[in-house]
Amino acid sequence: MLSEKVHIAVPTAFFEDESVNIQGTISHIRDLFKKGVKSVLVSGSTGEQHSLSLQEKIEITNALELEEELIRNMEIIFGVASIRQKEAEELAEKIRHTKISGIMLGYPPYVLPTQEEACVYAKRIIHLSNKPAILYNNPKRTGFDLSEKSIIQLSKVDLVIGIKDAGNKEKVERIKNGIHRNDFYFYAGGEVDVEEKVLHGYDRLSSIAGNVSPTEISQWFQKLLMKQKVSKQESDTIENIMEQVFQGNAIVNLKKIINHKGIPIGICRSPIGNIY
């Protein structure tokens, strides 16, 4: 199972022609590992998941498999989602035969499946991957909102270990009341409003800002979970990190900072970043 309370949602590196730079992506993961990061999410968040083709995702998984030190010592979670269920199934089958630790299962944008269709989609992909799975509900990006009933139903699947962005506080409370297991986790997607989310039952973090300040973000989040006092100095540091990352387009800001450190994370795929 996935034991880390914080994972870093890493951006995918792209060359100037917008083709995938797999080694650039891995260089960033290696750098995070050297800084003590124990878990990363690849091809999952940061808005790039649906821009990657099935073949590009498979090439990234192949490259990760060759990184023995990373695979052996990190929880590597891989984002699985597609507008076409068949493609998500193919990726899930590929991941099944790797040492990747788990999957984050996103829902297809635009097509608006019914709740029943979404549950069948999830169960099929999770079965094929045979890996611990975090459900990823992101109605702001996809237009689809996984219902409380569906989340509770999917929580009965042993491999489902949690959900990222379950919804508002009332929804989280009702889901918690409907799930009869202690090992189901609620992941906050990014650091924005995370203090409030922790108060309402979120207990894990899918971090964006951790790409640039992993130690500070992890220590801060752990303090929030433990209800420990955050000092003025720590609070100012976090505020500064948040301003750097989230003022404007977070993924564009991240890449600018990471590139400046000498790691070739490259550009975003337009239209993201096309005004910079």
C-alpha atoms as a PDB file:
ATOM      1  CA  MET A   1       0.000   0.000   0.000  1.00  0.00           C
ATOM      2  CA  LEU A   2       0.976   3.665  -0.249  1.00  0.00           C
ATOM      3  CA  SER A   3       2.277   4.793   3.131  1.00  0.00           C
ATOM      4  CA  GLU A   4       3.641   8.303   2.458  1.00  0.00           C
ATOM      5  CA  LYS A   5       1.479  11.185   3.668  1.00  0.00           C
ATOM      6  CA  VAL A   6       2.928  13.570   1.059  1.00  0.00           C
ATOM      7  CA  HIS A   7       3.777  12.971  -2.583  1.00  0.00           C
ATOM      8  CA  ILE A   8       5.048  15.538  -5.066  1.00  0.00           C
ATOM      9  CA  ALA A   9       3.046  15.895  -8.276  1.00  0.00           C
ATOM     10  CA  VAL A  10       5.945  16.392 -10.690  1.00  0.00           C
ATOM     11  CA  PRO A  11       5.619  18.273 -13.971  1.00  0.00           C
ATOM     12  CA  THR A  12       6.545  16.525 -17.200  1.00  0.00           C
ATOM     13  CA  ALA A  13       9.573  17.970 -19.005  1.00  0.00           C
ATOM     14  CA  PHE A  14       9.148  19.071 -22.622  1.00  0.00           C
ATOM     15  CA  PHE A  15      11.644  20.172 -25.274  1.00  0.00           C
ATOM     16  CA  GLU A  16      11.189  23.441 -27.170  1.00  0.00           C
ATOM     17  CA  ASP A  17       9.167  21.618 -29.859  1.00  0.00           C
ATOM     18  CA  GLU A  18       6.840  20.355 -27.076  1.00  0.00           C
ATOM     19  CA  SER A  19       7.952  16.715 -27.412  1.00  0.00           C
ATOM     20  CA  VAL A  20       8.448  14.838 -24.140  1.00  0.00           C
ATOM     21  CA  ASN A  21      11.854  15.110 -22.494  1.00  0.00           C
ATOM     22  CA  ILE A  22      11.859  11.905 -20.469  1.00  0.00           C
ATOM     23  CA  GLN A  23      15.369  12.328 -19.085  1.00  0.00           C
ATOM     24  CA  GLY A  24      14.544  15.885 -18.025  1.00  0.00           C
ATOM     25  CA  THR A  25      11.545  14.540 -16.096  1.00  0.00           C
ATOM     26  CA  ILE A  26      13.691  11.872 -14.438  1.00  0.00           C
ATOM     27  CA  SER A  27      16.431  14.413 -13.618  1.00  0.00           C
ATOM     28  CA  HIS A  28      13.886  16.390 -11.619  1.00  0.00           C
ATOM     29  CA  ILE A  29      12.679  13.249  -9.794  1.00  0.00           C
ATOM     30  CA  ARG A  30      16.311  12.341  -8.999  1.00  0.00           C
ATOM     31  CA  ASP A  31      16.890  15.818  -7.594  1.00  0.00           C
ATOM     32  CA  LEU A  32      13.806  15.490  -5.372  1.00  0.00           C
ATOM     33  CA  PHE A  33      15.020  12.072  -4.198  1.00  0.00           C
ATOM     34  CA  LYS A  34      18.374  13.579  -3.206  1.00  0.00           C
ATOM     35  CA  LYS A  35      16.450  16.141  -1.150  1.00  0.00           C
ATOM     36  CA  GLY A  36      14.710  13.389   0.797  1.00  0.00           C
ATOM     37  CA  VAL A  37      11.434  13.104  -1.126  1.00  0.00           C
ATOM     38  CA  LYS A  38      10.029   9.599  -0.750  1.00  0.00           C
ATOM     39  CA  SER A  39       7.039   9.715  -3.086  1.00  0.00           C
ATOM     40  CA  VAL A  40       6.214  11.312  -6.444  1.00  0.00           C
ATOM     41  CA  LEU A  41       3.234  11.367  -8.761  1.00  0.00           C
ATOM     42  CA  VAL A  42       4.214  11.166 -12.440  1.00  0.00           C
ATOM     43  CA  SER A  43       1.857  11.984 -15.321  1.00  0.00           C
ATOM     44  CA  GLY A  44      -0.879  12.660 -12.836  1.00  0.00           C
ATOM     45  CA  SER A  45      -1.437  16.235 -11.888  1.00  0.00           C
ATOM     46  CA  THR A  46      -0.183  19.661 -12.968  1.00  0.00           C
ATOM     47  CA  GLY A  47      -2.719  19.673 -15.818  1.00  0.00           C
ATOM     48  CA  GLU A  48      -0.558  17.717 -18.262  1.00  0.00           C
ATOM     49  CA  GLN A  49      -2.050  14.240 -17.973  1.00  0.00           C
ATOM     50  CA  HIS A  50      -4.438  14.525 -20.891  1.00  0.00           C
ATOM     51  CA  SER A  51      -1.873  16.205 -23.144  1.00  0.00           C
ATOM     52  CA  LEU A  52       0.275  13.059 -23.068  1.00  0.00           C
ATOM     53  CA  SER A  53      -0.473  10.347 -25.601  1.00  0.00           C
ATOM     54  CA  LEU A  54      -0.706   6.704 -24.559  1.00  0.00           C
ATOM     55  CA  GLN A  55       2.634   6.031 -26.264  1.00  0.00           C
ATOM     56  CA  GLU A  56       4.317   8.900 -24.413  1.00  0.00           C
ATOM     57  CA  LYS A  57       3.001   7.583 -21.084  1.00  0.00           C
ATOM     58  CA  ILE A  58       4.256   4.084 -21.883  1.00  0.00           C
ATOM     59  CA  GLU A  59       7.693   5.489 -22.778  1.00  0.00           C
ATOM     60  CA  ILE A  60       7.817   7.289 -19.416  1.00  0.00           C
ATOM     61  CA  THR A  61       6.938   4.076 -17.540  1.00  0.00           C
ATOM     62  CA  ASN A  62       9.655   2.208 -19.474  1.00  0.00           C
ATOM     63  CA  ALA A  63      12.223   4.846 -18.509  1.00  0.00           C
ATOM     64  CA  LEU A  64      11.172   4.782 -14.845  1.00  0.00           C
ATOM     65  CA  GLU A  65      11.628   1.011 -14.773  1.00  0.00           C
ATOM     66  CA  LEU A  66      15.285   1.498 -15.690  1.00  0.00           C
ATOM     67  CA  GLU A  67      15.832   3.812 -12.695  1.00  0.00           C
ATOM     68  CA  GLU A  68      16.539   1.074 -10.178  1.00  0.00           C
ATOM     69  CA  GLU A  69      17.531   3.362  -7.310  1.00  0.00           C
ATOM     70  CA  LEU A  70      14.369   5.449  -7.655  1.00  0.00           C
ATOM     71  CA  ILE A  71      12.023   2.477  -8.155  1.00  0.00           C
ATOM     72  CA  ARG A  72      13.553   0.658  -5.190  1.00  0.00           C
ATOM     73  CA  ASN A  73      13.551   3.586  -2.757  1.00  0.00           C
ATOM     74  CA  MET A  74      10.566   5.756  -3.709  1.00  0.00           C
ATOM     75  CA  GLU A  75       6.826   5.355  -3.946  1.00  0.00           C
ATOM     76  CA  ILE A  76       6.262   6.207  -7.591  1.00  0.00           C
ATOM     77  CA  ILE A  77       2.600   6.761  -8.397  1.00  0.00           C
ATOM     78  CA  PHE A  78       1.553   6.986 -12.045  1.00  0.00           C
ATOM     79  CA  GLY A  79      -1.437   8.927 -13.349  1.00  0.00           C
ATOM     80  CA  VAL A  80      -3.882   6.852 -15.352  1.00  0.00           C
ATOM     81  CA  ALA A  81      -6.763   8.501 -17.186  1.00  0.00           C
ATOM     82  CA  SER A  82      -7.978   8.885 -20.725  1.00  0.00           C
ATOM     83  CA  ILE A  83     -10.994  10.122 -22.654  1.00  0.00           C
ATOM     84  CA  ARG A  84     -11.029   6.556 -24.036  1.00  0.00           C
ATOM     85  CA  GLN A  85     -11.349   3.778 -21.469  1.00  0.00           C
ATOM     86  CA  LYS A  86      -9.542   1.363 -23.822  1.00  0.00           C
ATOM     87  CA  GLU A  87      -6.377   3.479 -23.704  1.00  0.00           C
ATOM     88  CA  ALA A  88      -6.517   3.788 -19.911  1.00  0.00           C
ATOM     89  CA  GLU A  89      -6.910  -0.005 -19.726  1.00  0.00           C
ATOM     90  CA  GLU A  90      -3.850  -0.529 -21.919  1.00  0.00           C
ATOM     91  CA  LEU A  91      -1.763   1.748 -19.712  1.00  0.00           C
ATOM     92  CA  ALA A  92      -3.062   0.002 -16.575  1.00  0.00           C
ATOM     93  CA  GLU A  93      -2.049  -3.397 -17.975  1.00  0.00           C
ATOM     94  CA  LYS A  94       1.403  -2.003 -18.751  1.00  0.00           C
ATOM     95  CA  ILE A  95       1.779  -0.668 -15.188  1.00  0.00           C
ATOM     96  CA  ARG A  96       0.675  -4.003 -13.714  1.00  0.00           C
ATOM     97  CA  HIS A  97       3.958  -5.551 -14.915  1.00  0.00           C
ATOM     98  CA  THR A  98       6.195  -2.792 -13.515  1.00  0.00           C
ATOM     99  CA  LYS A  99       7.485  -1.965 -10.026  1.00  0.00           C
ATOM    100  CA  ILE A 100       5.524   1.306  -9.998  1.00  0.00           C
ATOM    101  CA  SER A 101       3.963   1.574  -6.532  1.00  0.00           C
ATOM    102  CA  GLY A 102       0.446   2.712  -7.358  1.00  0.00           C
ATOM    103  CA  ILE A 103      -1.833   4.666  -9.664  1.00  0.00           C
ATOM    104  CA  MET A 104      -3.828   7.860  -9.471  1.00  0.00           C
ATOM    105  CA  LEU A 105      -7.027   7.257 -11.377  1.00  0.00           C
ATOM    106  CA  GLY A 106      -8.458  10.333 -13.071  1.00  0.00           C
ATOM    107  CA  TYR A 107     -11.766  10.622 -14.897  1.00  0.00           C
ATOM    108  CA  PRO A 108     -12.116  11.591 -18.552  1.00  0.00           C
ATOM    109  CA  PRO A 109     -12.729  15.269 -19.289  1.00  0.00           C
ATOM    110  CA  TYR A 110     -15.569  16.605 -21.426  1.00  0.00           C
ATOM    111  CA  VAL A 111     -17.414  13.333 -22.138  1.00  0.00           C
ATOM    112  CA  LEU A 112     -19.360  13.387 -18.832  1.00  0.00           C
ATOM    113  CA  PRO A 113     -19.895   9.696 -18.028  1.00  0.00           C
ATOM    114  CA  THR A 114     -22.777   8.760 -15.748  1.00  0.00           C
ATOM    115  CA  GLN A 115     -21.910   7.799 -12.164  1.00  0.00           C
ATOM    116  CA  GLU A 116     -22.500   4.150 -13.053  1.00  0.00           C
ATOM    117  CA  GLU A 117     -20.244   4.377 -16.118  1.00  0.00           C
ATOM    118  CA  ALA A 118     -17.541   6.116 -14.041  1.00  0.00           C
ATOM    119  CA  CYS A 119     -17.611   3.313 -11.471  1.00  0.00           C
ATOM    120  CA  VAL A 120     -17.305   0.622 -14.151  1.00  0.00           C
ATOM    121  CA  TYR A 121     -14.421   2.597 -15.729  1.00  0.00           C
ATOM    122  CA  ALA A 122     -12.633   2.816 -12.361  1.00  0.00           C
ATOM    123  CA  LYS A 123     -13.138  -0.812 -11.352  1.00  0.00           C
ATOM    124  CA  ARG A 124     -11.941  -2.089 -14.729  1.00  0.00           C
ATOM    125  CA  ILE A 125      -8.756   0.004 -14.730  1.00  0.00           C
ATOM    126  CA  ILE A 126      -7.926  -0.764 -11.091  1.00  0.00           C
ATOM    127  CA  HIS A 127      -8.432  -4.480 -11.710  1.00  0.00           C
ATOM    128  CA  LEU A 128      -6.098  -4.407 -14.728  1.00  0.00           C
ATOM    129  CA  SER A 129      -3.371  -2.438 -12.940  1.00  0.00           C
ATOM    130  CA  ASN A 130      -3.549  -4.544  -9.751  1.00  0.00           C
ATOM    131  CA  LYS A 131      -1.941  -1.598  -7.914  1.00  0.00           C
ATOM    132  CA  PRO A 132      -3.072   0.538  -4.969  1.00  0.00           C
ATOM    133  CA  ALA A 133      -5.219   3.325  -6.434  1.00  0.00           C
ATOM    134  CA  ILE A 134      -6.023   6.906  -5.445  1.00  0.00           C
ATOM    135  CA  LEU A 135      -9.215   8.180  -7.073  1.00  0.00           C
ATOM    136  CA  TYR A 136      -8.824  11.684  -8.532  1.00  0.00           C
ATOM    137  CA  ASN A 137     -11.961  13.795  -8.615  1.00  0.00           C
ATOM    138  CA  ASN A 138     -11.411  17.152 -10.321  1.00  0.00           C
ATOM    139  CA  PRO A 139     -14.703  18.597 -11.592  1.00  0.00           C
ATOM    140  CA  LYS A 140     -13.174  22.030 -12.204  1.00  0.00           C
ATOM    141  CA  ARG A 141     -10.938  20.532 -14.906  1.00  0.00           C
ATOM    142  CA  THR A 142     -13.013  17.608 -16.174  1.00  0.00           C
ATOM    143  CA  GLY A 143     -16.623  18.742 -15.798  1.00  0.00           C
ATOM    144  CA  PHE A 144     -17.359  15.453 -14.031  1.00  0.00           C
ATOM    145  CA  ASP A 145     -17.931  15.175 -10.273  1.00  0.00           C
ATOM    146  CA  LEU A 146     -17.700  11.746  -8.641  1.00  0.00           C
ATOM    147  CA  SER A 147     -20.660  11.504  -6.250  1.00  0.00           C
ATOM    148  CA  GLU A 148     -20.534  10.609  -2.557  1.00  0.00           C
ATOM    149  CA  LYS A 149     -22.386   7.378  -3.322  1.00  0.00           C
ATOM    150  CA  SER A 150     -19.845   6.436  -6.025  1.00  0.00           C
ATOM    151  CA  ILE A 151     -16.870   7.222  -3.782  1.00  0.00           C
ATOM    152  CA  ILE A 152     -18.330   5.108  -0.966  1.00  0.00           C
ATOM    153  CA  GLN A 153     -19.037   2.286  -3.431  1.00  0.00           C
ATOM    154  CA  LEU A 154     -15.499   2.378  -4.850  1.00  0.00           C
ATOM    155  CA  SER A 155     -14.008   2.488  -1.335  1.00  0.00           C
ATOM    156  CA  LYS A 156     -15.194  -1.116  -0.974  1.00  0.00           C
ATOM    157  CA  VAL A 157     -12.600  -2.134  -3.594  1.00  0.00           C
ATOM    158  CA  ASP A 158      -9.576  -3.258  -1.542  1.00  0.00           C
ATOM    159  CA  LEU A 159      -7.040  -1.613  -3.859  1.00  0.00           C
ATOM    160  CA  VAL A 160      -8.701   1.819  -3.560  1.00  0.00           C
ATOM    161  CA  ILE A 161      -6.776   3.558  -0.778  1.00  0.00           C
ATOM    162  CA  GLY A 162      -8.077   7.110  -1.011  1.00  0.00           C
ATOM    163  CA  ILE A 163      -9.314  10.041  -3.035  1.00  0.00           C
ATOM    164  CA  LYS A 164      -7.745  13.307  -4.153  1.00  0.00           C
ATOM    165  CA  ASP A 165     -10.057  16.338  -4.080  1.00  0.00           C
ATOM    166  CA  ALA A 166     -13.201  14.652  -2.778  1.00  0.00           C
ATOM    167  CA  GLY A 167     -15.125  17.930  -2.725  1.00  0.00           C
ATOM    168  CA  ASN A 168     -16.380  20.491  -0.211  1.00  0.00           C
ATOM    169  CA  LYS A 169     -16.273  19.975   3.550  1.00  0.00           C
ATOM    170  CA  GLU A 170     -19.876  18.755   3.769  1.00  0.00           C
ATOM    171  CA  LYS A 171     -19.232  16.130   1.101  1.00  0.00           C
ATOM    172  CA  VAL A 172     -16.055  14.930   2.855  1.00  0.00           C
ATOM    173  CA  GLU A 173     -17.892  14.577   6.161  1.00  0.00           C
ATOM    174  CA  ARG A 174     -20.686  12.544   4.565  1.00  0.00           C
ATOM    175  CA  ILE A 175     -18.181  10.304   2.740  1.00  0.00           C
ATOM    176  CA  LYS A 176     -16.275   9.695   5.977  1.00  0.00           C
ATOM    177  CA  ASN A 177     -19.512   8.676   7.672  1.00  0.00           C
ATOM    178  CA  GLY A 178     -20.269   6.217   4.857  1.00  0.00           C
ATOM    179  CA  ILE A 179     -16.869   4.494   4.676  1.00  0.00           C
ATOM    180  CA  HIS A 180     -16.291   1.717   7.179  1.00  0.00           C
ATOM    181  CA  ARG A 181     -12.512   1.352   7.074  1.00  0.00           C
ATOM    182  CA  ASN A 182      -9.615   3.197   8.692  1.00  0.00           C
ATOM    183  CA  ASP A 183      -7.187   2.957   5.784  1.00  0.00           C
ATOM    184  CA  PHE A 184      -8.974   5.280   3.331  1.00  0.00           C
ATOM    185  CA  TYR A 185      -7.209   8.629   2.882  1.00  0.00           C
ATOM    186  CA  PHE A 186      -8.209  12.094   1.684  1.00  0.00           C
ATOM    187  CA  TYR A 187      -5.571  13.866  -0.431  1.00  0.00           C
ATOM    188  CA  ALA A 188      -5.555  17.639  -0.805  1.00  0.00           C
ATOM    189  CA  GLY A 189      -4.631  18.617  -4.343  1.00  0.00           C
ATOM    190  CA  GLY A 190      -1.983  21.308  -3.883  1.00  0.00           C
ATOM    191  CA  GLU A 191      -1.325  23.685  -0.999  1.00  0.00           C
ATOM    192  CA  VAL A 192      -4.064  26.277  -1.593  1.00  0.00           C
ATOM    193  CA  ASP A 193      -6.551  26.277   1.345  1.00  0.00           C
ATOM    194  CA  VAL A 194      -4.832  23.202   2.787  1.00  0.00           C
ATOM    195  CA  GLU A 195      -5.142  24.420   6.397  1.00  0.00           C
ATOM    196  CA  GLU A 196      -8.920  24.490   6.038  1.00  0.00           C
ATOM    197  CA  LYS A 197      -8.959  21.130   4.259  1.00  0.00           C
ATOM    198  CA  VAL A 198      -7.010  19.488   7.097  1.00  0.00           C
ATOM    199  CA  LEU A 199      -9.582  20.818   9.567  1.00  0.00           C
ATOM    200  CA  HIS A 200     -12.306  19.105   7.533  1.00  0.00           C
ATOM    201  CA  GLY A 201     -10.638  15.707   7.382  1.00  0.00           C
ATOM    202  CA  TYR A 202      -8.020  15.754   4.624  1.00  0.00           C
ATOM    203  CA  ASP A 203      -5.030  13.777   5.876  1.00  0.00           C
ATOM    204  CA  ARG A 204      -2.626  13.541   2.920  1.00  0.00           C
ATOM    205  CA  LEU A 205      -1.158  15.958   0.385  1.00  0.00           C
ATOM    206  CA  SER A 206      -0.578  15.781  -3.353  1.00  0.00           C
ATOM    207  CA  SER A 207       1.932  18.616  -3.377  1.00  0.00           C
ATOM    208  CA  ILE A 208       2.614  21.163  -6.100  1.00  0.00           C
ATOM    209  CA  ALA A 209       4.864  23.600  -4.213  1.00  0.00           C
ATOM    210  CA  GLY A 210       6.976  20.669  -2.982  1.00  0.00           C
ATOM    211  CA  ASN A 211       8.565  20.630  -6.432  1.00  0.00           C
ATOM    212  CA  VAL A 212      10.612  23.646  -5.385  1.00  0.00           C
ATOM    213  CA  SER A 213      10.637  23.449  -1.559  1.00  0.00           C
ATOM    214  CA  PRO A 214       9.973  19.820  -0.597  1.00  0.00           C
ATOM    215  CA  THR A 215      11.378  19.873   2.948  1.00  0.00           C
ATOM    216  CA  GLU A 216       9.595  23.055   4.017  1.00  0.00           C
ATOM    217  CA  ILE A 217       6.249  21.954   2.562  1.00  0.00           C
ATOM    218  CA  SER A 218       6.433  18.471   4.064  1.00  0.00           C
ATOM    219  CA  GLN A 219       7.366  19.722   7.546  1.00  0.00           C
ATOM    220  CA  TRP A 220       4.615  22.349   7.439  1.00  0.00           C
ATOM    221  CA  PHE A 221       1.979  19.822   6.374  1.00  0.00           C
ATOM    222  CA  GLN A 222       3.043  17.369   9.078  1.00  0.00           C
ATOM    223  CA  LYS A 223       2.614  20.127  11.673  1.00  0.00           C
ATOM    224  CA  LEU A 224      -0.877  20.881  10.374  1.00  0.00           C
ATOM    225  CA  LEU A 225      -1.800  17.197  10.667  1.00  0.00           C
ATOM    226  CA  MET A 226      -0.409  16.974  14.207  1.00  0.00           C
ATOM    227  CA  LYS A 227      -2.135  20.253  15.176  1.00  0.00           C
ATOM    228  CA  GLN A 228       1.242  21.686  16.172  1.00  0.00           C
ATOM    229  CA  LYS A 229       1.910  25.407  16.257  1.00  0.00           C
ATOM    230  CA  VAL A 230       3.471  26.854  13.105  1.00  0.00           C
ATOM    231  CA  SER A 231       5.958  29.598  14.013  1.00  0.00           C
ATOM    232  CA  LYS A 232       5.854  33.064  12.469  1.00  0.00           C
ATOM    233  CA  GLN A 233       9.105  32.320  10.629  1.00  0.00           C
ATOM    234  CA  GLU A 234       7.729  29.055   9.191  1.00  0.00           C
ATOM    235  CA  SER A 235       4.500  30.770   8.247  1.00  0.00           C
ATOM    236  CA  ASP A 236       6.377  33.551   6.424  1.00  0.00           C
ATOM    237  CA  THR A 237       8.511  30.959   4.580  1.00  0.00           C
ATOM    238  CA  ILE A 238       5.404  29.066   3.409  1.00  0.00           C
ATOM    239  CA  GLU A 239       3.712  32.306   2.380  1.00  0.00           C
ATOM    240  CA  ASN A 240       6.746  33.211   0.288  1.00  0.00           C
ATOM    241  CA  ILE A 241       6.819  29.754  -1.376  1.00  0.00           C
ATOM    242  CA  MET A 242       3.070  29.957  -2.099  1.00  0.00           C
ATOM    243  CA  GLU A 243       3.487  33.378  -3.671  1.00  0.00           C
ATOM    244  CA  GLN A 244       6.321  32.143  -5.909  1.00  0.00           C
ATOM    245  CA  VAL A 245       4.345  29.125  -7.095  1.00  0.00           C
ATOM    246  CA  PHE A 246       0.682  30.101  -7.152  1.00  0.00           C
ATOM    247  CA  GLN A 247       0.738  33.753  -8.221  1.00  0.00           C
ATOM    248  CA  GLY A 248      -0.205  33.356 -11.872  1.00  0.00           C
ATOM    249  CA  ASN A 249       0.036  29.956 -13.562  1.00  0.00           C
ATOM    250  CA  ALA A 250       1.527  27.454 -11.090  1.00  0.00           C
ATOM    251  CA  ILE A 251       2.942  25.026 -13.660  1.00  0.00           C
ATOM    252  CA  VAL A 252       4.608  27.843 -15.633  1.00  0.00           C
ATOM    253  CA  ASN A 253       6.085  29.238 -12.407  1.00  0.00           C
ATOM    254  CA  LEU A 254       7.334  25.805 -11.306  1.00  0.00           C
ATOM    255  CA  LYS A 255       9.096  25.172 -14.591  1.00  0.00           C
ATOM    256  CA  LYS A 256      10.744  28.588 -14.524  1.00  0.00           C
ATOM    257  CA  ILE A 257      12.130  27.930 -11.000  1.00  0.00           C
ATOM    258  CA  ILE A 258      13.243  24.351 -11.787  1.00  0.00           C
ATOM    259  CA  ASN A 259      14.935  25.411 -15.055  1.00  0.00           C
ATOM    260  CA  HIS A 260      16.739  28.180 -13.159  1.00  0.00           C
ATOM    261  CA  LYS A 261      18.230  25.497 -10.874  1.00  0.00           C
ATOM    262  CA  GLY A 262      19.794  23.869 -13.952  1.00  0.00           C
ATOM    263  CA  ILE A 263      17.361  20.961 -14.312  1.00  0.00           C
ATOM    264  CA  PRO A 264      16.027  20.766 -17.904  1.00  0.00           C
ATOM    265  CA  ILE A 265      12.277  20.681 -17.211  1.00  0.00           C
ATOM    266  CA  GLY A 266      11.717  22.862 -20.288  1.00  0.00           C
ATOM    267  CA  ILE A 267       8.484  24.511 -21.348  1.00  0.00           C
ATOM    268  CA  CYS A 268       4.776  23.769 -21.107  1.00  0.00           C
ATOM    269  CA  ARG A 269       2.651  22.627 -24.016  1.00  0.00           C
ATOM    270  CA  SER A 270       0.798  25.618 -25.445  1.00  0.00           C
ATOM    271  CA  PRO A 271      -1.612  27.205 -24.842  1.00  0.00           C
ATOM    272  CA  ILE A 272      -0.172  26.885 -21.316  1.00  0.00           C
ATOM    273  CA  GLY A 273       2.719  29.325 -21.093  1.00  0.00           C
ATOM    274  CA  ASN A 274       2.187  30.841 -24.533  1.00  0.00           C
ATOM    275  CA  ILE A 275       2.138  34.431 -23.186  1.00  0.00           C
ATOM    276  CA  TYR A 276       5.496  34.241 -21.406  1.00  0.00           C
END
